[in-house]
Amino acid sequence: MGKDIAAALRYDPSLPAPFVVARGRGDLASKLVDLAHRAGVPVRTEAELAERLLWLNPGEVIPEELYRPVAELLLFLLEIETSDYKKENDEKNSG
């Protein structure tokens, strides 16, 4: 078994918290990361969080003790989206 781990999360506002959509170790983790890269999904290395998410089944909402680290991850993604949006608008407005 490989030491690489990965987990994918999704947020649906109709649910109380984000939930796991996929997780795995070794080759499966590498495939998840590769798929994310090819789909343009940002990837962040958070080994401790990923390790804790491995205990959840796909479709399972994250437990309350993971709210803070997942919120920090979502904030990171929001900052990327906001930055990309601002960059796109700056490019449109400059030309």
C-alpha atoms as a PDB file:
ATOM      1  CA  MET A   1       0.000   0.000   0.000  1.00  0.00           C
ATOM      2  CA  GLY A   2       1.352   3.434  -0.963  1.00  0.00           C
ATOM      3  CA  LYS A   3       1.805   6.294   1.435  1.00  0.00           C
ATOM      4  CA  ASP A   4       0.045   8.819  -0.816  1.00  0.00           C
ATOM      5  CA  ILE A   5      -3.453   9.749   0.290  1.00  0.00           C
ATOM      6  CA  ALA A   6      -6.126  11.948  -1.227  1.00  0.00           C
ATOM      7  CA  ALA A   7      -9.683  12.981  -0.507  1.00  0.00           C
ATOM      8  CA  ALA A   8     -12.173  14.993  -2.521  1.00  0.00           C
ATOM      9  CA  LEU A   9     -14.887  17.095  -0.931  1.00  0.00           C
ATOM     10  CA  ARG A  10     -18.038  18.729  -2.187  1.00  0.00           C
ATOM     11  CA  TYR A  11     -20.174  21.412  -0.632  1.00  0.00           C
ATOM     12  CA  ASP A  12     -23.932  21.483  -1.142  1.00  0.00           C
ATOM     13  CA  PRO A  13     -25.656  24.366   0.677  1.00  0.00           C
ATOM     14  CA  SER A  14     -28.711  22.170   1.299  1.00  0.00           C
ATOM     15  CA  LEU A  15     -26.605  19.918   3.559  1.00  0.00           C
ATOM     16  CA  PRO A  16     -25.260  20.832   7.004  1.00  0.00           C
ATOM     17  CA  ALA A  17     -21.589  20.489   5.963  1.00  0.00           C
ATOM     18  CA  PRO A  18     -19.321  19.455   3.073  1.00  0.00           C
ATOM     19  CA  PHE A  19     -19.127  15.749   2.320  1.00  0.00           C
ATOM     20  CA  VAL A  20     -16.572  13.305   0.957  1.00  0.00           C
ATOM     21  CA  VAL A  21     -17.062  12.357  -2.694  1.00  0.00           C
ATOM     22  CA  ALA A  22     -13.937  10.208  -3.059  1.00  0.00           C
ATOM     23  CA  ARG A  23     -10.898   9.125  -1.056  1.00  0.00           C
ATOM     24  CA  GLY A  24      -8.063   6.690  -1.397  1.00  0.00           C
ATOM     25  CA  ARG A  25      -4.467   5.654  -0.848  1.00  0.00           C
ATOM     26  CA  GLY A  26      -1.598   4.795  -3.154  1.00  0.00           C
ATOM     27  CA  ASP A  27      -2.520   4.417  -6.817  1.00  0.00           C
ATOM     28  CA  LEU A  28      -6.107   5.504  -6.194  1.00  0.00           C
ATOM     29  CA  ALA A  29      -4.882   8.689  -4.496  1.00  0.00           C
ATOM     30  CA  SER A  30      -2.599   9.401  -7.448  1.00  0.00           C
ATOM     31  CA  LYS A  31      -5.506   8.903  -9.853  1.00  0.00           C
ATOM     32  CA  LEU A  32      -7.719  11.264  -7.820  1.00  0.00           C
ATOM     33  CA  VAL A  33      -5.051  13.963  -7.877  1.00  0.00           C
ATOM     34  CA  ASP A  34      -4.461  13.439 -11.605  1.00  0.00           C
ATOM     35  CA  LEU A  35      -8.194  13.703 -12.325  1.00  0.00           C
ATOM     36  CA  ALA A  36      -8.404  16.885 -10.269  1.00  0.00           C
ATOM     37  CA  HIS A  37      -5.498  18.447 -12.159  1.00  0.00           C
ATOM     38  CA  ARG A  38      -6.992  17.499 -15.536  1.00  0.00           C
ATOM     39  CA  ALA A  39     -10.378  18.938 -14.504  1.00  0.00           C
ATOM     40  CA  GLY A  40      -8.797  22.178 -13.329  1.00  0.00           C
ATOM     41  CA  VAL A  41      -9.703  21.516  -9.696  1.00  0.00           C
ATOM     42  CA  PRO A  42      -7.233  23.064  -7.260  1.00  0.00           C
ATOM     43  CA  VAL A  43      -5.254  20.560  -5.203  1.00  0.00           C
ATOM     44  CA  ARG A  44      -3.846  21.364  -1.805  1.00  0.00           C
ATOM     45  CA  THR A  45      -1.582  19.233   0.353  1.00  0.00           C
ATOM     46  CA  GLU A  46      -3.141  18.744   3.768  1.00  0.00           C
ATOM     47  CA  ALA A  47      -1.892  15.307   4.830  1.00  0.00           C
ATOM     48  CA  GLU A  48      -3.427  15.326   8.316  1.00  0.00           C
ATOM     49  CA  LEU A  49      -6.838  16.397   7.020  1.00  0.00           C
ATOM     50  CA  ALA A  50      -6.724  13.878   4.167  1.00  0.00           C
ATOM     51  CA  GLU A  51      -5.832  11.128   6.631  1.00  0.00           C
ATOM     52  CA  ARG A  52      -8.871  11.989   8.760  1.00  0.00           C
ATOM     53  CA  LEU A  53     -11.128  12.152   5.710  1.00  0.00           C
ATOM     54  CA  LEU A  54     -10.072   8.626   4.722  1.00  0.00           C
ATOM     55  CA  TRP A  55     -12.179   7.336   7.608  1.00  0.00           C
ATOM     56  CA  LEU A  56     -15.344   8.742   6.029  1.00  0.00           C
ATOM     57  CA  ASN A  57     -17.314   6.976   3.333  1.00  0.00           C
ATOM     58  CA  PRO A  58     -18.175   8.753   0.086  1.00  0.00           C
ATOM     59  CA  GLY A  59     -21.385  10.693   0.629  1.00  0.00           C
ATOM     60  CA  GLU A  60     -20.733  11.060   4.355  1.00  0.00           C
ATOM     61  CA  VAL A  61     -20.903  14.600   5.752  1.00  0.00           C
ATOM     62  CA  ILE A  62     -17.743  15.670   7.584  1.00  0.00           C
ATOM     63  CA  PRO A  63     -17.933  15.544  11.385  1.00  0.00           C
ATOM     64  CA  GLU A  64     -18.033  18.728  13.420  1.00  0.00           C
ATOM     65  CA  GLU A  65     -14.380  18.410  14.510  1.00  0.00           C
ATOM     66  CA  LEU A  66     -13.334  18.836  10.863  1.00  0.00           C
ATOM     67  CA  TYR A  67     -15.389  21.994  10.263  1.00  0.00           C
ATOM     68  CA  ARG A  68     -12.497  24.354  10.958  1.00  0.00           C
ATOM     69  CA  PRO A  69      -9.805  22.698   8.776  1.00  0.00           C
ATOM     70  CA  VAL A  70     -12.312  22.183   5.958  1.00  0.00           C
ATOM     71  CA  ALA A  71     -13.501  25.799   6.281  1.00  0.00           C
ATOM     72  CA  GLU A  72      -9.867  26.932   5.942  1.00  0.00           C
ATOM     73  CA  LEU A  73      -9.557  24.782   2.820  1.00  0.00           C
ATOM     74  CA  LEU A  74     -12.759  26.219   1.351  1.00  0.00           C
ATOM     75  CA  LEU A  75     -11.533  29.742   2.106  1.00  0.00           C
ATOM     76  CA  PHE A  76      -8.324  28.944   0.208  1.00  0.00           C
ATOM     77  CA  LEU A  77     -10.404  27.794  -2.783  1.00  0.00           C
ATOM     78  CA  LEU A  78     -12.624  30.862  -2.598  1.00  0.00           C
ATOM     79  CA  GLU A  79      -9.548  33.094  -2.626  1.00  0.00           C
ATOM     80  CA  ILE A  80      -8.301  31.302  -5.754  1.00  0.00           C
ATOM     81  CA  GLU A  81     -11.685  31.732  -7.459  1.00  0.00           C
ATOM     82  CA  THR A  82     -11.868  35.393  -6.485  1.00  0.00           C
ATOM     83  CA  SER A  83      -8.315  35.990  -7.690  1.00  0.00           C
ATOM     84  CA  ASP A  84      -8.996  34.230 -11.011  1.00  0.00           C
ATOM     85  CA  TYR A  85     -12.242  36.178 -11.465  1.00  0.00           C
ATOM     86  CA  LYS A  86     -10.511  39.476 -10.753  1.00  0.00           C
ATOM     87  CA  LYS A  87      -7.681  38.583 -13.151  1.00  0.00           C
ATOM     88  CA  GLU A  88     -10.151  37.694 -15.931  1.00  0.00           C
ATOM     89  CA  ASN A  89     -12.071  40.954 -15.460  1.00  0.00           C
ATOM     90  CA  ASP A  90      -8.866  43.005 -15.357  1.00  0.00           C
ATOM     91  CA  GLU A  91      -7.795  41.418 -18.656  1.00  0.00           C
ATOM     92  CA  LYS A  92     -11.197  42.107 -20.261  1.00  0.00           C
ATOM     93  CA  ASN A  93     -11.222  45.710 -19.070  1.00  0.00           C
ATOM     94  CA  SER A  94      -7.668  46.440 -20.199  1.00  0.00           C
ATOM     95  CA  GLY A  95      -8.133  45.483 -23.822  1.00  0.00           C
END
